[in-house]
């Protein structure tokens, strides 16, 4: 069978679509490309099972719609798989209806609302949940026979829409092959990525997805309500292969939270034993409140460079309503420990919470700027609060008439879709720009200079990304 896993070009005056494997969709003025681990694993599985496989990312490859369509038509696929997300799902419906292919949709939006997409376009299958790479393998092995489908697959039969029931997350991640990086054109994502300080870089996932899995706003809790992790030695083996075979110099582990405890100790000590910290740097997502200074110090010795944390707000009510299980003191202490251990700390904040007003917004701005000035945050990112379908936050706000629209096109970070009776959208976006201008504080600049003394390329990239973010949140 001929299988194509694709990202059609999404042309827009809003910028470049940050779609692949992304928890928070944005149109970026300054593009960045995230290597899509699960789609790449799906392509690798299909190829390993003997299927002719095409991985075609029209966004990262900067293809025109005509060029994309020509390449896809030349491949003559029997099945086309599209990863979608709320702000672009309507575009994908139109694409499906305009092309005569057997198609599959995957992603958090269609996991939350599968019946909507089955009714809105001619899509043939929807694979729900985060393990859709395993479900695609099953779909192909079953040769489209519903009697052999695993749970979590939506399909059409005799004019009716049917389902095999709720998806399961009982697949063993160690059964998945290492990604065939050549098959999926890994270099498209190796350089233009805001996380990488060294290039070429690439992504892996040690787990799916976050062991906390309670944040009410996170769309990936829809995909991964159950956390699983790979064997730590196997992950190190894959990293060593990426260094030796491809010359990779930086790796981002994109698990929602990197495994901790004994897993993390084993992983770090194995990296050190093999001498890998001399050859590459590692980045990861983590949560505050779980690791001590000694853990961060071990990570630094093991070659970790960048650790990303979600803060969201400096107000305890918001942290509690989001089920973050954090305090502001945890944030400040954890950021100080990680930075003192020699790690670059990246923080994410969200603005536009329905219950916050000017005072609460100012608290978050002050915390972000303080952490930059103290050198406890090397970089940070701000987004608007976007309640994606399927999340507890979406259900809460919809029930309370707290959404400005249900037009999915508007859920793209360009304007607020959460009603904020205590603050205007202009005030919220001004606050975001004030956070980003915190990089220009004298003390923040001093820490940045000391941390990157001779890295002219870092300064050049940083200025361009800062300018891009300021444009992304203009009023």
Foldseek 3Di string as FASTA:
>chain_A
DEEEEEAAADDDPLAAWAFAPDFAIAHFPQDAHAFRALSLLLQVLCVVVPYRYAYYYCRLVVHDNVRSVVVVVVSVGQEYEYEDFLQCVLVVQVVQQVDPHAYEYEYLQCLQPVVVSVVSHVHFKYAHADNVSVQSSQCVVCVNDVVRGAFRMWGDDPRDIDGNHRHDDPDAPQVGDDGPCVRNVQQSNQPRHPVDPDTREHEDAQKAADPLLQFQQTSSVSRPVDMDGHQLVVVVVSVVCCCVVVVHAEYEHHHQADDDDPSLVVNLVVLVVVVVLVRHEYEYEHEFPPDDLVSLLSNVSSRYAEYEYEDAFQDPVVCVVRVSPDHNVSVVRRLVSNVVSPHAYEYEYEWDDQEDAPVRLVSRLVSLLVCLLVLSHLYYYYFYRQRGRPGNVVVVCVVVVQFQDPNSSPSHRQFGGGHHPRYDRQSRLVSRLSSLCSCVPPSSVVSNCVSCVPSPVSVVVSVVSSVRRNVSSDD
